[in-house]
Amino acid sequence: MLFIRNVIFFTFTSFGGAQAHLALLLKYFVKNSHFITEEELLELNALSQVLPGPASTQTLVGIAYKVGRLRLALITFIIWILPSAAIMTFAAVSYSMLDQKERFLEALEFIQPIALGIVAFAAVNLSRKILASQVSVFLAIGAVIATLVLRNAYVFPLAILIGGVISSAVETPREETELRVRLFSNINPRKLFYFIGVLLLFALLGALINTTSPFSLPIRLLENFYRNGIFVFGGGQVLVPLMFTEFVQMKHYLQGGEFLSGYALQQALPGPTFSFSSYLGALSMKNFGYGPGGQVLGGLVGVIGINLPGLILILFIVPFWDQLKKISRIRHSLAGINAVSVGFIVAAFLLMVLPMRFSWLSIGMMLATFFLLNNTRVSPPLIVLAGILLSFVI
């Protein structure tokens, strides 16, 4: 029950995107409760960065699997995605409520500086632990520069790949050997076939559906989201431009204003950025004439489709991850992957700071959040609640 309680706390305080989520995972599941070690958390984070899909979701589900196996992992996944996905689906079903979006965002005025304080805490705290060599510092700085200069979705998988390759090449001793045959002999072939089959099933279904059929939209949406879930690296900041290109510019499922309004609302909510897909699915169904029931189905299709590939991959790999990381090339690549992740966190902080409306109060909120997380045991839920209450008072 303590683990579930921490999952609930994490779900309702995880503002700031994947970069801030890592700091909260460290606080809730390592420092406060010791469910896993810090080394295990960083390894899971590095693994999630390599895999396509939502990194925060995969890391959290990986922690749950280590603690309570498959059942706890699935319960954790549902708790994590359900609140924000339900809110975003409701927003799409009742799109007129977005006329009140400005009032809602005013009530959460200080959430952004609090999120920035959490991101800053993550950057400083992880930098101290991960950037222990010249190679790791070089990789982190390179990731920051590449992210800020290129601002392209391909930066994330390429930087992660390059970081892992460089770290593996530089830090792996030449005399080390690895018994790959022993590793893969422990993998159940039937289980491997099952996971690969499920991973491909819905993509094949989407390809087989006749696109002109009036009854095929939910299946087409499932294929759209599932396909993007397979190919999205780097988290929500990569997902959003890809979704805008496909759903607005190419397929015209919804208009640009509808898309951006929903994204603005999602940014004010805690939880996974990938829950934005539930809004897209529900509103796409509404724009094609489906009623409330069909729109709820569209929201469900969106959040399941986008998360399913990453969920399948993490549940398949985590059970034999302890064996996989014994391969020295893979083990030494984790240092480079984590260094690149630190660079992404620093870049995310800079990109989030630029559009923020600066005031002495917002700067004070950001610095206070960083100080409290860095020097006290104050729980993040209390900081978030204080920020919300302060927005009503001032």
Protein backbone atom coordinates (compact mmCIF):
# COMPACT_ATOMS: atom_id res chain seq x y z
CA MET A 1 0.00 0.00 0.00
CA LEU A 2 2.93 2.35 0.66
CA PHE A 3 4.07 1.89 -2.92
CA ILE A 4 0.57 2.61 -4.30
CA ARG A 5 0.35 5.70 -2.08
CA ASN A 6 3.62 6.99 -3.52
CA VAL A 7 2.39 6.29 -7.05
CA ILE A 8 -0.71 8.37 -6.33
CA PHE A 9 1.40 11.21 -4.88
CA PHE A 10 3.69 11.06 -7.90
CA THR A 11 0.73 11.07 -10.30
CA PHE A 12 -0.81 14.22 -8.84
CA THR A 13 2.43 16.20 -8.39
CA SER A 14 4.32 15.33 -11.57
CA PHE A 15 4.25 18.72 -13.25
CA GLY A 16 7.03 19.77 -15.59
CA GLY A 17 7.35 16.85 -18.01
CA ALA A 18 9.71 13.89 -18.10
CA GLN A 19 12.70 15.94 -17.01
CA ALA A 20 11.05 16.95 -13.73
CA HIS A 21 9.52 13.48 -13.26
CA LEU A 22 12.94 11.89 -12.77
CA ALA A 23 13.62 14.08 -9.74
CA LEU A 24 10.26 13.09 -8.24
CA LEU A 25 10.89 9.41 -8.92
CA LEU A 26 14.18 9.78 -7.08
CA LYS A 27 12.42 11.43 -4.14
CA TYR A 28 9.40 9.12 -3.85
CA PHE A 29 10.88 5.69 -4.64
CA VAL A 30 14.54 5.99 -3.65
CA LYS A 31 15.16 8.57 -0.93
CA ASN A 32 11.84 8.48 0.96
CA SER A 33 10.90 4.80 0.73
CA HIS A 34 13.94 2.89 -0.61
CA PHE A 35 11.92 0.68 -2.95
CA ILE A 36 14.89 0.59 -5.34
CA THR A 37 18.42 1.96 -5.26
CA GLU A 38 19.48 5.14 -7.00
CA GLU A 39 21.64 3.08 -9.35
CA GLU A 40 18.64 0.94 -10.34
CA LEU A 41 16.55 4.06 -11.01
CA LEU A 42 19.22 5.58 -13.25
CA GLU A 43 19.58 2.29 -15.11
CA LEU A 44 15.82 2.11 -15.71
CA ASN A 45 15.81 5.73 -16.85
CA ALA A 46 18.66 5.04 -19.27
CA LEU A 47 16.85 1.96 -20.59
CA SER A 48 13.64 3.99 -21.07
CA GLN A 49 15.57 6.67 -22.95
CA VAL A 50 16.80 4.05 -25.42
CA LEU A 51 13.34 2.54 -25.99
CA PRO A 52 10.61 4.26 -27.98
CA GLY A 53 7.62 5.47 -26.02
CA PRO A 54 6.91 7.54 -22.89
CA ALA A 55 10.09 7.53 -20.80
CA SER A 56 8.45 8.51 -17.49
CA THR A 57 5.76 5.86 -17.86
CA GLN A 58 8.29 3.18 -18.73
CA THR A 59 10.55 4.11 -15.81
CA LEU A 60 7.65 4.09 -13.33
CA VAL A 61 6.29 0.78 -14.65
CA GLY A 62 9.80 -0.68 -14.50
CA ILE A 63 10.09 0.30 -10.84
CA ALA A 64 6.70 -1.26 -10.10
CA TYR A 65 7.71 -4.48 -11.87
CA LYS A 66 10.86 -4.74 -9.78
CA VAL A 67 8.86 -4.23 -6.58
CA GLY A 68 5.74 -6.32 -7.27
CA ARG A 69 6.05 -7.94 -10.70
CA LEU A 70 3.42 -7.82 -13.44
CA ARG A 71 0.30 -7.19 -11.36
CA LEU A 72 1.72 -4.17 -9.55
CA ALA A 73 3.20 -2.87 -12.82
CA LEU A 74 -0.21 -2.89 -14.51
CA ILE A 75 -1.96 -1.31 -11.51
CA THR A 76 0.70 1.40 -11.41
CA PHE A 77 0.29 2.06 -15.13
CA ILE A 78 -3.49 2.51 -14.76
CA ILE A 79 -3.15 4.83 -11.75
CA TRP A 80 -0.53 6.90 -13.57
CA ILE A 81 -2.36 7.47 -16.85
CA LEU A 82 -6.01 7.51 -15.74
CA PRO A 83 -6.47 10.97 -14.10
CA SER A 84 -4.93 13.17 -16.80
CA ALA A 85 -6.34 11.01 -19.61
CA ALA A 86 -9.85 11.27 -18.10
CA ILE A 87 -9.59 15.05 -17.76
CA MET A 88 -8.31 15.48 -21.31
CA THR A 89 -11.08 13.25 -22.67
CA PHE A 90 -13.69 15.24 -20.77
CA ALA A 91 -12.19 18.47 -22.14
CA ALA A 92 -12.60 17.16 -25.68
CA VAL A 93 -16.15 15.93 -25.08
CA SER A 94 -17.09 19.33 -23.63
CA TYR A 95 -14.89 21.47 -25.83
CA SER A 96 -16.84 24.63 -24.96
CA MET A 97 -15.39 24.46 -21.46
CA LEU A 98 -12.06 25.52 -22.94
CA ASP A 99 -13.53 29.00 -23.21
CA GLN A 100 -12.75 29.12 -19.50
CA LYS A 101 -9.18 27.97 -20.08
CA GLU A 102 -7.67 31.35 -19.18
CA ARG A 103 -9.35 31.32 -15.76
CA PHE A 104 -8.13 27.81 -15.17
CA LEU A 105 -4.56 28.70 -16.13
CA GLU A 106 -4.65 31.78 -13.89
CA ALA A 107 -5.55 29.55 -10.98
CA LEU A 108 -2.41 27.53 -11.73
CA GLU A 109 -0.22 30.56 -12.41
CA PHE A 110 2.62 29.42 -10.19
CA ILE A 111 2.72 25.83 -11.40
CA GLN A 112 5.21 26.73 -14.13
CA PRO A 113 7.84 28.27 -11.81
CA ILE A 114 7.35 25.36 -9.41
CA ALA A 115 7.91 22.96 -12.33
CA LEU A 116 11.04 24.91 -13.27
CA GLY A 117 12.28 24.60 -9.71
CA ILE A 118 11.77 20.84 -9.88
CA VAL A 119 13.59 20.66 -13.23
CA ALA A 120 16.47 22.73 -11.82
CA PHE A 121 16.65 20.40 -8.82
CA ALA A 122 16.78 17.40 -11.16
CA ALA A 123 19.55 18.97 -13.25
CA VAL A 124 21.75 19.88 -10.28
CA ASN A 125 21.13 16.68 -8.31
CA LEU A 126 21.73 14.32 -11.23
CA SER A 127 24.70 16.30 -12.53
CA ARG A 128 26.50 15.76 -9.25
CA LYS A 129 26.03 12.02 -9.51
CA ILE A 130 26.33 11.35 -13.25
CA LEU A 131 28.83 13.87 -14.62
CA ALA A 132 31.82 12.27 -12.96
CA SER A 133 34.19 12.15 -15.95
CA GLN A 134 35.31 14.41 -18.77
CA VAL A 135 33.48 12.21 -21.27
CA SER A 136 30.16 12.51 -19.42
CA VAL A 137 30.54 16.31 -19.10
CA PHE A 138 31.33 16.56 -22.82
CA LEU A 139 28.28 14.46 -23.73
CA ALA A 140 25.95 16.49 -21.49
CA ILE A 141 27.17 19.81 -22.97
CA GLY A 142 26.84 18.38 -26.47
CA ALA A 143 23.25 17.31 -25.77
CA VAL A 144 22.37 20.80 -24.50
CA ILE A 145 23.86 22.50 -27.57
CA ALA A 146 22.29 20.04 -30.03
CA THR A 147 18.85 20.42 -28.44
CA LEU A 148 18.93 24.22 -28.36
CA VAL A 149 20.40 24.67 -31.84
CA LEU A 150 18.69 21.96 -33.89
CA ARG A 151 15.31 21.68 -32.10
CA ASN A 152 14.45 18.63 -34.13
CA ALA A 153 12.74 15.42 -33.05
CA TYR A 154 15.66 13.36 -34.39
CA VAL A 155 18.05 15.00 -31.92
CA PHE A 156 16.79 12.83 -29.04
CA PRO A 157 17.32 9.29 -30.40
CA LEU A 158 20.53 10.29 -32.21
CA ALA A 159 22.04 11.98 -29.15
CA ILE A 160 21.13 9.01 -26.95
CA LEU A 161 22.63 6.59 -29.49
CA ILE A 162 25.82 8.64 -29.91
CA GLY A 163 26.20 9.08 -26.15
CA GLY A 164 25.86 5.36 -25.52
CA VAL A 165 28.27 4.44 -28.32
CA ILE A 166 30.94 6.94 -27.21
CA SER A 167 30.69 5.94 -23.56
CA SER A 168 30.81 2.25 -24.42
CA ALA A 169 33.80 2.69 -26.73
CA VAL A 170 35.79 4.84 -24.31
CA GLU A 171 35.03 3.22 -20.96
CA THR A 172 34.77 -0.51 -21.76
CA PRO A 173 38.08 -2.25 -20.90
CA ARG A 174 39.43 -4.22 -23.83
CA GLU A 175 40.04 -7.34 -21.78
CA GLU A 176 36.38 -7.68 -20.78
CA THR A 177 34.34 -10.32 -22.61
CA GLU A 178 30.71 -11.17 -22.40
CA LEU A 179 28.77 -14.42 -22.75
CA ARG A 180 25.96 -13.28 -25.02
CA VAL A 181 24.97 -16.86 -25.75
CA ARG A 182 24.30 -17.51 -22.05
CA LEU A 183 22.20 -14.35 -21.80
CA PHE A 184 19.92 -15.08 -24.71
CA SER A 185 19.65 -18.75 -23.82
CA ASN A 186 17.67 -17.64 -20.76
CA ILE A 187 15.00 -15.93 -22.87
CA ASN A 188 11.85 -17.97 -23.37
CA PRO A 189 11.27 -18.16 -27.17
CA ARG A 190 7.50 -18.39 -26.70
CA LYS A 191 7.52 -15.26 -24.55
CA LEU A 192 9.65 -13.45 -27.13
CA PHE A 193 7.23 -14.43 -29.90
CA TYR A 194 4.26 -13.30 -27.77
CA PHE A 195 5.67 -9.84 -27.14
CA ILE A 196 6.74 -9.28 -30.73
CA GLY A 197 3.36 -10.52 -31.97
CA VAL A 198 1.42 -8.17 -29.69
CA LEU A 199 3.71 -5.29 -30.65
CA LEU A 200 2.89 -5.75 -34.33
CA LEU A 201 -0.74 -6.83 -34.08
CA PHE A 202 -2.46 -3.47 -33.94
CA ALA A 203 -0.20 -1.94 -36.57
CA LEU A 204 -1.22 -4.77 -38.92
CA LEU A 205 -4.88 -4.25 -38.07
CA GLY A 206 -4.61 -0.59 -38.92
CA ALA A 207 -2.98 -1.35 -42.24
CA LEU A 208 -5.71 -3.83 -43.17
CA ILE A 209 -8.66 -1.53 -42.44
CA ASN A 210 -10.23 0.09 -45.47
CA THR A 211 -9.69 3.83 -44.93
CA THR A 212 -12.95 4.69 -46.70
CA SER A 213 -15.08 2.67 -44.31
CA PRO A 214 -17.26 4.86 -42.09
CA PHE A 215 -16.83 2.37 -39.27
CA SER A 216 -13.04 2.29 -39.36
CA LEU A 217 -12.13 5.58 -37.65
CA PRO A 218 -11.49 4.10 -34.15
CA ILE A 219 -9.27 1.41 -35.71
CA ARG A 220 -7.47 3.98 -37.84
CA LEU A 221 -6.91 6.15 -34.79
CA LEU A 222 -5.56 3.15 -32.88
CA GLU A 223 -3.12 2.49 -35.73
CA ASN A 224 -2.11 6.18 -35.85
CA PHE A 225 -1.39 6.38 -32.13
CA TYR A 226 0.20 2.94 -31.95
CA ARG A 227 2.55 3.71 -34.84
CA ASN A 228 3.61 6.99 -33.27
CA GLY A 229 4.14 5.19 -29.95
CA ILE A 230 6.58 2.86 -31.68
CA PHE A 231 8.62 5.61 -33.32
CA VAL A 232 8.57 8.42 -30.74
CA PHE A 233 11.83 8.86 -28.84
CA GLY A 234 12.44 11.68 -26.38
CA GLY A 235 9.06 11.99 -24.68
CA GLY A 236 6.19 14.42 -25.04
CA GLN A 237 8.26 17.25 -26.49
CA VAL A 238 8.77 15.05 -29.56
CA LEU A 239 5.24 13.61 -29.62
CA VAL A 240 3.45 16.96 -29.89
CA PRO A 241 5.02 18.20 -33.17
CA LEU A 242 4.57 14.75 -34.72
CA MET A 243 0.91 14.65 -33.71
CA PHE A 244 0.33 18.18 -35.02
CA THR A 245 1.82 17.27 -38.39
CA GLU A 246 -0.24 14.10 -38.77
CA PHE A 247 -3.58 15.01 -37.16
CA VAL A 248 -3.84 18.67 -38.21
CA GLN A 249 -1.72 19.25 -41.30
CA MET A 250 -1.96 15.87 -43.03
CA LYS A 251 -5.22 14.16 -42.02
CA HIS A 252 -7.26 17.16 -40.85
CA TYR A 253 -8.78 15.26 -37.95
CA LEU A 254 -8.95 18.56 -36.03
CA GLN A 255 -8.02 22.20 -36.47
CA GLY A 256 -4.85 23.89 -35.30
CA GLY A 257 -6.66 26.01 -32.71
CA GLU A 258 -8.34 22.95 -31.20
CA PHE A 259 -4.99 21.17 -31.02
CA LEU A 260 -3.15 24.06 -29.35
CA SER A 261 -5.96 24.76 -26.87
CA GLY A 262 -5.87 21.16 -25.71
CA TYR A 263 -2.09 21.16 -25.44
CA ALA A 264 -2.18 24.35 -23.32
CA LEU A 265 -4.67 22.67 -20.98
CA GLN A 266 -2.56 19.54 -20.75
CA GLN A 267 0.50 21.55 -19.76
CA ALA A 268 -1.40 22.77 -16.69
CA LEU A 269 -2.12 19.20 -15.54
CA PRO A 270 0.10 16.73 -13.71
CA GLY A 271 0.86 13.34 -15.19
CA PRO A 272 2.21 12.06 -18.50
CA THR A 273 2.36 14.38 -21.52
CA PHE A 274 1.31 11.37 -23.60
CA SER A 275 -2.19 11.66 -22.10
CA PHE A 276 -2.63 14.49 -24.62
CA SER A 277 -3.38 11.66 -27.06
CA SER A 278 -6.70 11.00 -25.28
CA TYR A 279 -7.78 14.56 -26.09
CA LEU A 280 -6.77 14.12 -29.73
CA GLY A 281 -8.61 10.82 -30.03
CA ALA A 282 -11.82 12.10 -28.43
CA LEU A 283 -11.90 15.35 -30.40
CA SER A 284 -11.14 13.54 -33.67
CA MET A 285 -14.17 11.33 -33.07
CA LYS A 286 -16.30 14.38 -32.24
CA ASN A 287 -15.28 16.16 -35.44
CA PHE A 288 -16.34 13.12 -37.46
CA GLY A 289 -19.85 13.15 -35.98
CA TYR A 290 -19.53 10.64 -33.14
CA GLY A 291 -21.52 11.22 -29.96
CA PRO A 292 -20.23 11.29 -26.37
CA GLY A 293 -19.89 7.50 -26.24
CA GLY A 294 -17.78 7.44 -29.39
CA GLN A 295 -15.69 10.34 -28.10
CA VAL A 296 -14.93 8.50 -24.86
CA LEU A 297 -13.94 5.52 -26.99
CA GLY A 298 -11.65 7.80 -28.99
CA GLY A 299 -10.00 9.04 -25.79
CA LEU A 300 -9.49 5.47 -24.62
CA VAL A 301 -8.07 4.44 -28.00
CA GLY A 302 -5.67 7.40 -27.94
CA VAL A 303 -4.17 6.79 -24.52
CA ILE A 304 -3.94 3.00 -24.98
CA GLY A 305 -2.57 3.18 -28.50
CA ILE A 306 0.22 5.66 -27.72
CA ASN A 307 1.31 3.88 -24.52
CA LEU A 308 0.97 0.24 -25.53
CA PRO A 309 4.24 -0.18 -27.50
CA GLY A 310 6.35 1.32 -24.72
CA LEU A 311 4.50 -0.71 -22.06
CA ILE A 312 5.05 -3.95 -23.97
CA LEU A 313 8.75 -3.21 -24.49
CA ILE A 314 9.51 -2.30 -20.88
CA LEU A 315 7.62 -5.31 -19.49
CA PHE A 316 9.52 -7.57 -21.87
CA ILE A 317 12.99 -6.20 -21.16
CA VAL A 318 12.89 -5.51 -17.40
CA PRO A 319 12.57 -9.21 -16.38
CA PHE A 320 15.99 -10.01 -17.83
CA TRP A 321 17.54 -6.53 -17.53
CA ASP A 322 19.81 -7.69 -14.69
CA GLN A 323 21.31 -10.19 -17.12
CA LEU A 324 21.37 -7.83 -20.08
CA LYS A 325 23.36 -5.16 -18.24
CA LYS A 326 26.09 -7.75 -17.49
CA ILE A 327 27.22 -7.28 -21.07
CA SER A 328 30.05 -4.83 -20.51
CA ARG A 329 29.38 -2.85 -23.70
CA ILE A 330 25.79 -2.24 -22.63
CA ARG A 331 26.73 -1.56 -19.00
CA HIS A 332 29.31 1.06 -19.92
CA SER A 333 26.97 2.68 -22.45
CA LEU A 334 24.57 3.61 -19.62
CA ALA A 335 26.94 6.29 -18.34
CA GLY A 336 26.83 8.06 -21.70
CA ILE A 337 23.05 7.70 -22.00
CA ASN A 338 22.55 9.17 -18.53
CA ALA A 339 24.94 12.04 -19.32
CA VAL A 340 22.93 12.87 -22.44
CA SER A 341 19.76 12.73 -20.31
CA VAL A 342 21.23 15.33 -17.97
CA GLY A 343 21.90 17.50 -21.03
CA PHE A 344 18.27 17.13 -22.08
CA ILE A 345 17.15 18.21 -18.59
CA VAL A 346 19.34 21.34 -18.72
CA ALA A 347 18.09 22.16 -22.22
CA ALA A 348 14.47 21.62 -21.14
CA PHE A 349 14.99 24.02 -18.24
CA LEU A 350 16.35 26.70 -20.59
CA LEU A 351 13.55 26.20 -23.11
CA MET A 352 10.91 26.37 -20.37
CA VAL A 353 12.41 29.53 -18.86
CA LEU A 354 12.36 31.53 -22.10
CA PRO A 355 8.56 31.82 -22.59
CA MET A 356 7.82 32.33 -18.89
CA ARG A 357 6.51 35.73 -17.82
CA PHE A 358 9.13 36.85 -15.35
CA SER A 359 8.25 38.57 -12.11
CA TRP A 360 9.97 38.73 -8.76
CA LEU A 361 7.27 36.48 -7.35
CA SER A 362 7.63 33.76 -10.00
CA ILE A 363 11.44 33.83 -9.65
CA GLY A 364 11.02 33.57 -5.88
CA MET A 365 8.67 30.58 -6.31
CA MET A 366 11.18 28.83 -8.54
CA LEU A 367 14.10 29.43 -6.16
CA ALA A 368 12.00 28.46 -3.13
CA THR A 369 10.98 25.19 -4.78
CA PHE A 370 14.59 24.37 -5.58
CA PHE A 371 15.70 25.23 -2.03
CA LEU A 372 12.98 23.14 -0.38
CA LEU A 373 13.66 20.07 -2.53
CA ASN A 374 17.43 20.40 -2.16
CA ASN A 375 17.64 21.13 1.56
CA THR A 376 14.53 19.76 3.25
CA ARG A 377 12.22 16.77 3.20
CA VAL A 378 9.17 18.83 2.25
CA SER A 379 6.92 16.75 0.01
CA PRO A 380 6.33 18.03 -3.55
CA PRO A 381 2.52 17.76 -3.12
CA LEU A 382 2.72 20.42 -0.41
CA ILE A 383 4.76 22.72 -2.66
CA VAL A 384 2.30 22.32 -5.53
CA LEU A 385 -0.69 22.88 -3.22
CA ALA A 386 0.95 26.01 -1.78
CA GLY A 387 1.47 27.35 -5.31
CA ILE A 388 -2.18 26.81 -6.22
CA LEU A 389 -3.41 28.46 -3.01
CA LEU A 390 -1.04 31.39 -3.51
CA SER A 391 -2.49 32.03 -6.98
CA PHE A 392 -5.92 32.54 -5.37
CA VAL A 393 -4.59 34.85 -2.66
CA ILE A 394 -2.47 37.16 -4.84
